[in-house]
């Protein structure tokens, strides 16, 4: 990253007051994405698709073209956009309730087809916007508005948290799958590298890429922001391990042209 970008403010990120709750990770994830867009010179060729949920506010902050599909239908919209504009950067910006619940079919089939867009999947293990209900990624024992005694997989029939990254990694159409977090500076740096790599691969014409990002939701978790950072480290990461889960067969397949602005 250049010194200018380190000290400055991303051109692709609007300078407005955030609507996100204190301690939420969405703003930091926005910053990471827009820094990479600027570094690669893609602001004028970026289209963000953001559905219902906390991600619906993304169009307020990204100074790029954006589309708001119906709840869960972001992969379908992104498929059409990327096929019509294959030289553009197309990003699905989705939460766990949207992507892993109402949008499960859309997500799985787009990934299986190898659609050439990138999904940024924000996993905070709760329905953040609609009142803290249990999400597909809610942990066993974690309390939610619809699971006041904690998620019970067996006796209450609530099932288990879905590991989306591992699920998609089994599909032949996926080219790159990684999971990061934004709970501390070291994990932020690693997550940034994962997102950059996913975008580079998309722009080189490789298939479906996705980065899952574990994020704090102090409001949905009924915690103070500092508590939520510790809770994520202690509880979420053991269930959703961080790292690159699926990489291209040949790491050298990324053309030099796709590495513009590489750190």
Protein backbone atom coordinates (compact mmCIF):
# COMPACT_ATOMS: atom_id res chain seq x y z
CA UNK A 1 0.00 0.00 0.00
CA UNK A 2 1.36 3.45 -0.88
CA UNK A 3 2.11 6.05 1.81
CA UNK A 4 -0.52 8.29 0.20
CA UNK A 5 -3.23 5.66 0.72
CA UNK A 6 -2.06 4.90 4.23
CA UNK A 7 -2.39 8.55 5.25
CA UNK A 8 -5.39 9.45 3.14
CA UNK A 9 -9.00 8.46 2.71
CA UNK A 10 -10.19 6.03 0.01
CA UNK A 11 -11.76 7.80 -2.96
CA UNK A 12 -14.22 4.92 -3.25
CA UNK A 13 -15.52 5.46 0.31
CA UNK A 14 -17.90 8.38 0.89
CA UNK A 15 -17.15 10.77 3.73
CA UNK A 16 -20.41 10.57 5.63
CA UNK A 17 -21.42 9.62 9.16
CA UNK A 18 -21.94 5.92 9.62
CA UNK A 19 -25.31 4.37 10.47
CA UNK A 20 -23.70 1.25 11.87
CA UNK A 21 -23.75 0.57 15.61
CA UNK A 22 -20.69 1.33 17.72
CA UNK A 23 -18.20 -1.53 17.53
CA UNK A 24 -19.70 -3.02 14.35
CA UNK A 25 -17.19 -4.46 11.89
CA UNK A 26 -18.97 -3.41 8.69
CA UNK A 27 -17.28 0.00 8.51
CA UNK A 28 -13.81 -1.53 8.73
CA UNK A 29 -14.68 -4.07 6.04
CA UNK A 30 -15.91 -1.21 3.82
CA UNK A 31 -12.58 0.53 4.32
CA UNK A 32 -10.61 -2.57 3.36
CA UNK A 33 -12.62 -3.10 0.17
CA UNK A 34 -12.46 0.52 -0.96
CA UNK A 35 -8.71 0.77 -0.34
CA UNK A 36 -8.18 -2.23 -2.62
CA UNK A 37 -10.54 -0.82 -5.27
CA UNK A 38 -8.52 2.42 -5.28
CA UNK A 39 -5.16 0.66 -5.36
CA UNK A 40 -6.22 -1.39 -8.38
CA UNK A 41 -7.72 1.65 -10.14
CA UNK A 42 -11.17 0.05 -10.36
CA UNK A 43 -13.49 2.69 -8.89
CA UNK A 44 -15.09 3.41 -12.27
CA UNK A 45 -15.52 -0.29 -13.02
CA UNK A 46 -16.84 -1.53 -9.68
CA UNK A 47 -20.43 -2.62 -9.03
CA UNK A 48 -21.48 -3.54 -5.49
CA UNK A 49 -24.61 -5.66 -5.03
CA UNK A 50 -26.00 -5.42 -1.51
CA UNK A 51 -29.25 -6.97 -0.28
CA UNK A 52 -31.52 -6.69 2.77
CA UNK A 53 -29.85 -6.72 6.18
CA UNK A 54 -27.14 -4.46 7.59
CA UNK A 55 -25.44 -4.76 4.21
CA UNK A 56 -28.31 -2.79 2.65
CA UNK A 57 -26.58 0.40 3.79
CA UNK A 58 -23.45 -0.34 1.77
CA UNK A 59 -24.65 1.84 -1.11
CA UNK A 60 -24.57 4.83 1.26
CA UNK A 61 -20.83 4.43 1.73
CA UNK A 62 -19.35 2.95 -1.46
CA UNK A 63 -18.70 5.65 -4.05
CA UNK A 64 -19.18 3.17 -6.88
CA UNK A 65 -22.14 1.85 -8.84
CA UNK A 66 -24.41 -0.24 -6.61
CA UNK A 67 -27.49 -2.44 -7.03
CA UNK A 68 -29.89 -3.51 -4.26
CA UNK A 69 -31.40 -6.92 -5.15
CA UNK A 70 -34.21 -8.56 -3.24
CA UNK A 71 -33.36 -10.40 -0.03
CA UNK A 72 -31.15 -13.38 -0.82
CA UNK A 73 -31.04 -12.72 -4.56
CA UNK A 74 -27.72 -10.92 -4.74
CA UNK A 75 -25.86 -13.79 -6.49
CA UNK A 76 -28.54 -13.89 -9.21
CA UNK A 77 -28.19 -10.15 -9.82
CA UNK A 78 -24.39 -10.36 -9.75
CA UNK A 79 -24.47 -13.21 -12.26
CA UNK A 80 -26.34 -11.10 -14.79
CA UNK A 81 -24.19 -8.02 -14.21
CA UNK A 82 -20.88 -9.87 -14.51
CA UNK A 83 -21.96 -11.74 -17.64
CA UNK A 84 -23.06 -8.47 -19.25
CA UNK A 85 -19.97 -6.55 -18.07
CA UNK A 86 -17.17 -9.12 -17.78
CA UNK A 87 -14.44 -6.47 -17.51
CA UNK A 88 -16.03 -4.95 -14.37
CA UNK A 89 -15.37 -5.80 -10.74
CA UNK A 90 -18.61 -7.22 -9.32
CA UNK A 91 -18.87 -7.74 -5.57
CA UNK A 92 -21.69 -9.39 -3.61
CA UNK A 93 -21.69 -7.87 -0.15
CA UNK A 94 -23.81 -10.16 2.01
CA UNK A 95 -24.56 -11.00 5.64
CA UNK A 96 -25.04 -14.43 7.15
CA UNK A 97 -28.83 -14.20 7.39
CA UNK A 98 -29.08 -13.20 3.75
CA UNK A 99 -26.48 -15.49 2.23
CA UNK A 100 -26.84 -18.59 4.40
CA UNK A 101 -30.63 -18.56 4.91
CA UNK A 102 -33.01 -17.06 2.36
CA UNK A 103 -30.23 -16.89 -0.25
CA UNK A 104 -28.74 -20.35 0.19
CA UNK A 105 -29.91 -21.72 -3.16
CA UNK A 106 -28.78 -18.63 -5.06
CA UNK A 107 -25.36 -18.73 -3.42
CA UNK A 108 -24.71 -22.44 -3.88
CA UNK A 109 -25.74 -22.58 -7.52
CA UNK A 110 -23.83 -19.42 -8.48
CA UNK A 111 -20.73 -20.86 -6.82
CA UNK A 112 -21.25 -24.25 -8.45
CA UNK A 113 -21.56 -22.62 -11.88
CA UNK A 114 -18.29 -20.82 -11.26
CA UNK A 115 -19.75 -17.35 -11.74
CA UNK A 116 -16.86 -14.93 -11.96
CA UNK A 117 -17.71 -12.47 -9.20
CA UNK A 118 -16.49 -12.05 -5.63
CA UNK A 119 -18.60 -12.44 -2.51
CA UNK A 120 -17.71 -10.72 0.74
CA UNK A 121 -19.66 -12.70 3.32
CA UNK A 122 -19.94 -10.90 6.67
CA UNK A 123 -20.58 -13.45 9.42
CA UNK A 124 -21.58 -12.03 12.82
CA UNK A 125 -23.60 -15.11 13.85
CA UNK A 126 -26.84 -13.15 14.33
CA UNK A 127 -29.58 -11.29 12.48
CA UNK A 128 -28.25 -7.82 13.24
CA UNK A 129 -30.75 -5.49 11.59
CA UNK A 130 -34.05 -7.21 12.36
CA UNK A 131 -33.76 -7.77 16.09
CA UNK A 132 -31.09 -10.29 17.00
CA UNK A 133 -32.80 -13.48 15.87
CA UNK A 134 -30.89 -16.75 15.48
CA UNK A 135 -29.02 -16.97 12.18
CA UNK A 136 -27.77 -20.06 10.31
CA UNK A 137 -24.32 -19.27 11.74
CA UNK A 138 -25.40 -18.73 15.37
CA UNK A 139 -23.22 -20.85 17.65
CA UNK A 140 -24.41 -23.74 19.80
CA UNK A 141 -25.45 -22.28 23.14
CA UNK A 142 -25.44 -18.70 21.83
CA UNK A 143 -28.52 -16.76 22.90
CA UNK A 144 -30.68 -14.92 20.38
CA UNK A 145 -34.14 -13.34 20.28
CA UNK A 146 -35.53 -16.58 18.86
CA UNK A 147 -33.28 -18.77 21.02
CA UNK A 148 -33.50 -17.17 24.48
CA UNK A 149 -31.97 -20.22 26.15
CA UNK A 150 -29.26 -20.59 23.55
CA UNK A 151 -29.11 -22.51 20.29
CA UNK A 152 -29.88 -26.18 20.91
CA UNK A 153 -29.07 -28.38 17.94
CA UNK A 154 -30.74 -31.60 19.04
CA UNK A 155 -33.50 -31.31 21.65
CA UNK A 156 -34.88 -28.03 20.31
CA UNK A 157 -34.22 -29.04 16.71
CA UNK A 158 -32.35 -25.85 15.87
CA UNK A 159 -29.58 -27.54 13.91
CA UNK A 160 -25.93 -26.61 13.79
CA UNK A 161 -24.07 -23.48 12.63
CA UNK A 162 -23.39 -23.64 8.91
CA UNK A 163 -19.74 -23.34 7.87
CA UNK A 164 -20.35 -21.60 4.57
CA UNK A 165 -16.71 -21.37 3.51
CA UNK A 166 -16.14 -25.10 3.95
CA UNK A 167 -19.45 -25.86 2.23
CA UNK A 168 -18.56 -23.83 -0.87
CA UNK A 169 -15.01 -25.14 -0.99
CA UNK A 170 -16.38 -28.56 -1.98
CA UNK A 171 -17.89 -27.20 -5.21
CA UNK A 172 -15.90 -27.50 -8.42
CA UNK A 173 -16.92 -24.01 -9.56
CA UNK A 174 -15.22 -22.22 -6.67
CA UNK A 175 -11.71 -20.94 -7.31
CA UNK A 176 -10.78 -19.24 -4.04
CA UNK A 177 -12.36 -19.43 -0.58
CA UNK A 178 -10.92 -17.80 2.55
CA UNK A 179 -12.05 -16.74 6.01
CA UNK A 180 -10.74 -13.76 7.92
CA UNK A 181 -11.80 -11.58 10.85
CA UNK A 182 -11.67 -7.93 11.88
CA UNK A 183 -11.27 -8.32 15.64
CA UNK A 184 -7.61 -7.25 15.85
CA UNK A 185 -4.96 -5.59 13.65
CA UNK A 186 -3.22 -8.85 12.72
CA UNK A 187 -6.46 -10.43 11.51
CA UNK A 188 -7.43 -7.25 9.67
CA UNK A 189 -4.17 -7.38 7.70
CA UNK A 190 -4.70 -11.04 6.81
CA UNK A 191 -8.31 -10.40 5.82
CA UNK A 192 -7.17 -7.54 3.61
CA UNK A 193 -4.77 -9.87 1.82
CA UNK A 194 -7.54 -12.44 1.30
CA UNK A 195 -9.92 -9.87 -0.17
CA UNK A 196 -7.21 -8.46 -2.45
CA UNK A 197 -6.41 -11.94 -3.71
CA UNK A 198 -10.07 -12.75 -4.34
CA UNK A 199 -10.48 -9.55 -6.36
CA UNK A 200 -7.28 -10.15 -8.31
CA UNK A 201 -8.46 -13.62 -9.23
CA UNK A 202 -11.85 -12.31 -10.33
CA UNK A 203 -10.23 -9.72 -12.58
CA UNK A 204 -8.00 -12.41 -14.10
CA UNK A 205 -11.09 -14.36 -15.19
CA UNK A 206 -10.95 -17.15 -12.61
CA UNK A 207 -14.23 -18.56 -11.23
CA UNK A 208 -16.22 -17.84 -8.07
CA UNK A 209 -14.24 -16.29 -5.21
CA UNK A 210 -15.41 -15.62 -1.67
CA UNK A 211 -14.00 -14.22 1.54
CA UNK A 212 -15.96 -14.83 4.72
CA UNK A 213 -15.26 -12.20 7.37
CA UNK A 214 -16.03 -12.80 11.04
CA UNK A 215 -17.33 -9.53 12.44
CA UNK A 216 -18.45 -8.15 15.80
CA UNK A 217 -22.12 -7.29 16.45
CA UNK A 218 -22.18 -5.77 19.95
CA UNK A 219 -25.85 -4.76 19.66
CA UNK A 220 -27.05 -8.16 18.45
CA UNK A 221 -24.90 -9.91 21.03
CA UNK A 222 -25.97 -7.54 23.86
CA UNK A 223 -22.36 -6.69 24.68
CA UNK A 224 -20.05 -3.72 24.94
CA UNK A 225 -17.75 -3.33 21.90
CA UNK A 226 -14.63 -4.47 23.78
CA UNK A 227 -16.47 -7.54 25.07
CA UNK A 228 -17.58 -8.43 21.55
CA UNK A 229 -13.99 -8.44 20.28
CA UNK A 230 -12.99 -10.88 23.00
CA UNK A 231 -16.11 -13.00 22.46
CA UNK A 232 -15.38 -13.36 18.75
CA UNK A 233 -11.82 -14.47 19.48
CA UNK A 234 -12.84 -16.97 22.13
CA UNK A 235 -16.04 -18.36 20.64
CA UNK A 236 -16.34 -17.77 16.90
CA UNK A 237 -12.85 -18.49 15.63
CA UNK A 238 -12.73 -22.04 17.08
CA UNK A 239 -15.97 -22.83 15.21
CA UNK A 240 -15.05 -20.90 12.05
CA UNK A 241 -11.26 -21.33 11.66
CA UNK A 242 -9.41 -18.56 9.83
CA UNK A 243 -7.26 -18.95 6.75
CA UNK A 244 -7.30 -19.79 3.04
CA UNK A 245 -9.61 -22.77 2.68
CA UNK A 246 -9.40 -23.27 -1.07
CA UNK A 247 -6.79 -21.85 -3.40
CA UNK A 248 -6.38 -22.10 -7.19
CA UNK A 249 -4.56 -25.19 -8.39
CA UNK A 250 -1.75 -23.01 -9.72
CA UNK A 251 -1.05 -19.93 -7.61
CA UNK A 252 0.97 -18.55 -10.52
CA UNK A 253 -2.20 -18.40 -12.61
CA UNK A 254 -2.85 -14.76 -11.63
CA UNK A 255 -1.53 -12.63 -14.53
CA UNK A 256 0.73 -9.69 -13.74
CA UNK A 257 -1.89 -7.32 -15.16
CA UNK A 258 -4.28 -8.35 -12.40
CA UNK A 259 -1.70 -7.48 -9.75
CA UNK A 260 -1.74 -3.73 -10.35
CA UNK A 261 -0.99 -1.90 -7.16
CA UNK A 262 0.07 -5.04 -5.31
CA UNK A 263 1.57 -4.23 -1.95
